[in-house]
Amino acid sequence: MESRDDDAGLMLRYREGDLGAFEALYARQKGPLYRYLLRHVRNAAAASDLFQEVWSRVVATRMRYEPRAKFATYLFHIAHNCAVDARRRDYNGRFNTRSDEADSQMLAAEVPEYQRPDRIAEYIERQSELLAALAALPTEQREAFLLHEETGLCVEEIARVTDVPIETAKSRLRYAIRKLKKSLIPRAIRAAQPHSVRAT
């Protein structure tokens, strides 16, 4: 069994009735979990519904919790299953559809308030390009990338979350990174070119 991380310890304390431990656990994980869900489904309402469903399942299953892996692996396995179930239910077509409202909410939440307006505009543009590139990935590759980037899970943990062999998870992550680089690097090169230069 892997060594218990701090979050697993909090979950064990919550299992024994310590509500403060749950509050600490929620505070640590709510940001990564919501960003993962929002970037995965690209719809604010659907992401909020899934966010509540994931935590409801954590609460409902707390007495059966055993720290066999990092808590993040446990949490995002639940999140993955909730997303799969919701996709089957279809959420009235809300999944993986372009949502400017969701993008705006996400970007507004992530942009540091102290940055200058020109830096904020540049940041938003980069984030928008990343969101578009992510949306173009196949679902399995996008999920592998988000699990790696948003939660810091390793390939073995991603495989466990998504119930696939390690080599499959590794392949999905590798293809996702390759496609994102191929998509984003040309844009970065174009953005770096002086606007005064024009083809003759």
Protein backbone atom coordinates (compact mmCIF):
# COMPACT_ATOMS: atom_id res chain seq x y z
CA MET A 1 0.00 0.00 0.00
CA GLU A 2 1.27 3.49 -0.80
CA SER A 3 2.15 5.75 2.08
CA ARG A 4 -0.72 7.82 3.38
CA ASP A 5 -0.59 11.42 2.23
CA ASP A 6 -1.90 14.34 4.27
CA ASP A 7 -5.25 14.32 2.45
CA ALA A 8 -5.71 10.62 3.12
CA GLY A 9 -5.11 11.33 6.79
CA LEU A 10 -7.77 14.02 6.72
CA MET A 11 -10.21 11.65 5.04
CA LEU A 12 -9.55 9.03 7.72
CA ARG A 13 -10.23 11.60 10.40
CA TYR A 14 -13.45 12.60 8.62
CA ARG A 15 -14.43 8.94 8.43
CA GLU A 16 -14.17 8.89 12.21
CA GLY A 17 -16.45 11.92 12.53
CA ASP A 18 -14.07 14.91 12.40
CA LEU A 19 -16.01 17.52 10.38
CA GLY A 20 -13.09 19.95 10.58
CA ALA A 21 -10.97 17.42 8.69
CA PHE A 22 -13.55 17.35 5.90
CA GLU A 23 -13.59 21.15 5.72
CA ALA A 24 -9.80 21.19 5.38
CA LEU A 25 -9.93 18.46 2.74
CA TYR A 26 -12.62 20.32 0.80
CA ALA A 27 -10.63 23.57 0.94
CA ARG A 28 -7.56 21.84 -0.49
CA GLN A 29 -9.28 19.96 -3.29
CA LYS A 30 -12.17 22.19 -4.39
CA GLY A 31 -10.08 24.30 -6.79
CA PRO A 32 -8.37 21.48 -8.70
CA LEU A 33 -11.58 19.44 -8.78
CA TYR A 34 -13.76 22.25 -10.13
CA ARG A 35 -11.18 23.30 -12.73
CA TYR A 36 -10.86 19.69 -13.88
CA LEU A 37 -14.63 19.32 -14.25
CA LEU A 38 -15.11 22.71 -15.92
CA ARG A 39 -12.34 22.17 -18.43
CA HIS A 40 -13.57 18.64 -19.01
CA VAL A 41 -17.23 19.43 -19.70
CA ARG A 42 -16.82 23.11 -20.72
CA ASN A 43 -20.13 24.11 -19.22
CA ALA A 44 -20.45 25.97 -15.92
CA ALA A 45 -23.84 24.53 -14.94
CA ALA A 46 -22.85 20.95 -15.73
CA ALA A 47 -19.52 21.36 -13.92
CA SER A 48 -21.28 22.72 -10.82
CA ASP A 49 -23.71 19.79 -10.84
CA LEU A 50 -20.86 17.30 -11.14
CA PHE A 51 -18.86 19.09 -8.45
CA GLN A 52 -21.73 18.66 -5.99
CA GLU A 53 -22.26 15.05 -7.07
CA VAL A 54 -18.60 14.16 -6.51
CA TRP A 55 -18.57 15.56 -2.98
CA SER A 56 -21.92 13.90 -2.24
CA ARG A 57 -20.41 10.55 -3.20
CA VAL A 58 -17.35 11.23 -1.03
CA VAL A 59 -19.65 11.90 1.91
CA ALA A 60 -21.90 8.92 1.17
CA THR A 61 -19.00 6.45 0.90
CA ARG A 62 -16.81 7.83 3.71
CA MET A 63 -17.32 4.81 5.98
CA ARG A 64 -15.93 2.50 3.26
CA TYR A 65 -12.87 4.66 2.55
CA GLU A 66 -9.50 2.91 2.77
CA PRO A 67 -6.25 4.74 1.89
CA ARG A 68 -5.03 2.34 -0.78
CA ALA A 69 -3.68 5.23 -2.85
CA LYS A 70 -3.33 9.00 -2.66
CA PHE A 71 -6.59 10.72 -1.76
CA ALA A 72 -6.44 12.67 -5.03
CA THR A 73 -6.52 9.37 -6.92
CA TYR A 74 -9.60 8.34 -4.96
CA LEU A 75 -11.32 11.71 -5.46
CA PHE A 76 -10.64 11.96 -9.17
CA HIS A 77 -11.67 8.36 -9.74
CA ILE A 78 -15.06 9.38 -8.36
CA ALA A 79 -14.99 12.52 -10.55
CA HIS A 80 -14.17 10.44 -13.62
CA ASN A 81 -17.04 8.05 -12.92
CA CYS A 82 -19.46 10.93 -12.33
CA ALA A 83 -18.43 12.51 -15.63
CA VAL A 84 -18.86 9.23 -17.50
CA ASP A 85 -22.28 8.66 -15.95
CA ALA A 86 -23.34 12.22 -16.71
CA ARG A 87 -22.19 11.94 -20.31
CA ARG A 88 -24.38 8.87 -20.67
CA ARG A 89 -27.29 10.88 -19.29
CA ASP A 90 -26.17 13.64 -21.70
CA TYR A 91 -27.15 16.56 -19.46
CA ASN A 92 -29.48 17.74 -22.25
CA GLY A 93 -26.58 18.14 -24.63
CA ARG A 94 -24.58 20.40 -22.31
CA PHE A 95 -21.40 18.35 -22.36
CA ASN A 96 -18.36 19.40 -24.39
CA THR A 97 -20.21 22.28 -26.00
CA ARG A 98 -18.66 25.69 -26.36
CA SER A 99 -19.67 27.87 -23.44
CA ASP A 100 -18.37 31.43 -23.52
CA GLU A 101 -19.98 31.98 -20.12
CA ALA A 102 -18.06 29.06 -18.63
CA ASP A 103 -14.83 30.20 -20.24
CA SER A 104 -15.31 33.74 -18.96
CA GLN A 105 -16.08 32.55 -15.44
CA MET A 106 -13.08 30.28 -15.40
CA LEU A 107 -10.71 32.90 -16.77
CA ALA A 108 -12.00 35.56 -14.41
CA ALA A 109 -11.47 33.24 -11.47
CA GLU A 110 -7.90 32.44 -12.48
CA VAL A 111 -6.59 35.88 -13.50
CA PRO A 112 -4.67 37.52 -10.63
CA GLU A 113 -6.35 40.83 -9.80
CA TYR A 114 -3.09 42.71 -9.34
CA GLN A 115 -1.92 42.28 -12.93
CA ARG A 116 -1.93 45.21 -15.34
CA PRO A 117 -4.77 45.30 -17.93
CA ASP A 118 -2.41 44.54 -20.81
CA ARG A 119 -1.05 41.49 -19.00
CA ILE A 120 -4.57 40.34 -18.17
CA ALA A 121 -5.62 40.60 -21.84
CA GLU A 122 -2.55 38.61 -22.90
CA TYR A 123 -3.25 35.99 -20.23
CA ILE A 124 -6.89 35.61 -21.29
CA GLU A 125 -5.87 35.23 -24.93
CA ARG A 126 -3.41 32.46 -24.06
CA GLN A 127 -5.98 30.69 -21.89
CA SER A 128 -8.60 30.90 -24.64
CA GLU A 129 -6.18 29.30 -27.09
CA LEU A 130 -5.45 26.53 -24.59
CA LEU A 131 -9.16 25.90 -24.04
CA ALA A 132 -9.73 25.67 -27.79
CA ALA A 133 -6.81 23.27 -28.18
CA LEU A 134 -8.07 21.13 -25.30
CA ALA A 135 -11.57 21.02 -26.78
CA ALA A 136 -10.13 19.64 -30.02
CA LEU A 137 -8.56 16.65 -28.26
CA PRO A 138 -10.34 13.29 -28.09
CA THR A 139 -12.11 12.91 -24.74
CA GLU A 140 -9.74 10.25 -23.38
CA GLN A 141 -6.62 12.27 -24.23
CA ARG A 142 -8.10 15.48 -22.82
CA GLU A 143 -8.96 13.72 -19.57
CA ALA A 144 -5.49 12.23 -19.21
CA PHE A 145 -3.93 15.65 -19.76
CA LEU A 146 -6.24 17.40 -17.29
CA LEU A 147 -5.70 14.76 -14.62
CA HIS A 148 -1.95 15.23 -15.03
CA GLU A 149 -1.97 19.04 -15.14
CA GLU A 150 -4.77 19.91 -12.72
CA THR A 151 -4.06 17.33 -10.02
CA GLY A 152 -0.43 16.34 -10.53
CA LEU A 153 -1.36 12.66 -10.80
CA CYS A 154 1.31 10.41 -12.28
CA VAL A 155 0.66 8.01 -15.16
CA GLU A 156 0.03 5.07 -12.81
CA GLU A 157 -2.55 7.11 -10.88
CA ILE A 158 -4.21 8.33 -14.08
CA ALA A 159 -4.50 4.70 -15.19
CA ARG A 160 -6.14 3.83 -11.87
CA VAL A 161 -8.57 6.77 -12.07
CA THR A 162 -9.67 5.95 -15.62
CA ASP A 163 -9.58 2.15 -15.24
CA VAL A 164 -7.17 1.53 -18.12
CA PRO A 165 -3.75 -0.16 -18.37
CA ILE A 166 -0.75 2.02 -17.53
CA GLU A 167 0.53 1.89 -21.12
CA THR A 168 -2.84 3.17 -22.38
CA ALA A 169 -2.78 6.08 -19.94
CA LYS A 170 0.82 6.86 -20.89
CA SER A 171 -0.06 6.78 -24.59
CA ARG A 172 -3.09 9.05 -24.13
CA LEU A 173 -1.06 11.59 -22.17
CA ARG A 174 1.80 11.51 -24.68
CA TYR A 175 -0.54 12.03 -27.65
CA ALA A 176 -2.38 14.84 -25.84
CA ILE A 177 0.85 16.71 -25.11
CA ARG A 178 2.09 16.21 -28.65
CA LYS A 179 -1.16 17.53 -30.16
CA LEU A 180 -1.30 20.51 -27.80
CA LYS A 181 2.30 21.45 -28.64
CA LYS A 182 1.58 21.12 -32.34
CA SER A 183 -1.49 23.33 -31.97
CA LEU A 184 -0.13 25.96 -29.59
CA ILE A 185 3.48 26.47 -30.66
CA PRO A 186 2.61 27.90 -34.13
CA ARG A 187 0.21 30.33 -32.45
CA ALA A 188 2.93 31.43 -30.04
CA ILE A 189 5.31 32.01 -32.95
CA ARG A 190 2.70 34.09 -34.79
CA ALA A 191 1.99 36.10 -31.65
CA ALA A 192 5.69 36.84 -31.20
CA GLN A 193 6.05 38.31 -34.70
CA PRO A 194 6.03 42.16 -34.84
CA HIS A 195 2.68 43.46 -36.05
CA SER A 196 4.45 45.93 -38.30
CA VAL A 197 5.92 43.16 -40.47
CA ARG A 198 3.74 42.44 -43.46
CA ALA A 199 4.23 40.01 -46.33
CA THR A 200 5.07 41.75 -49.54
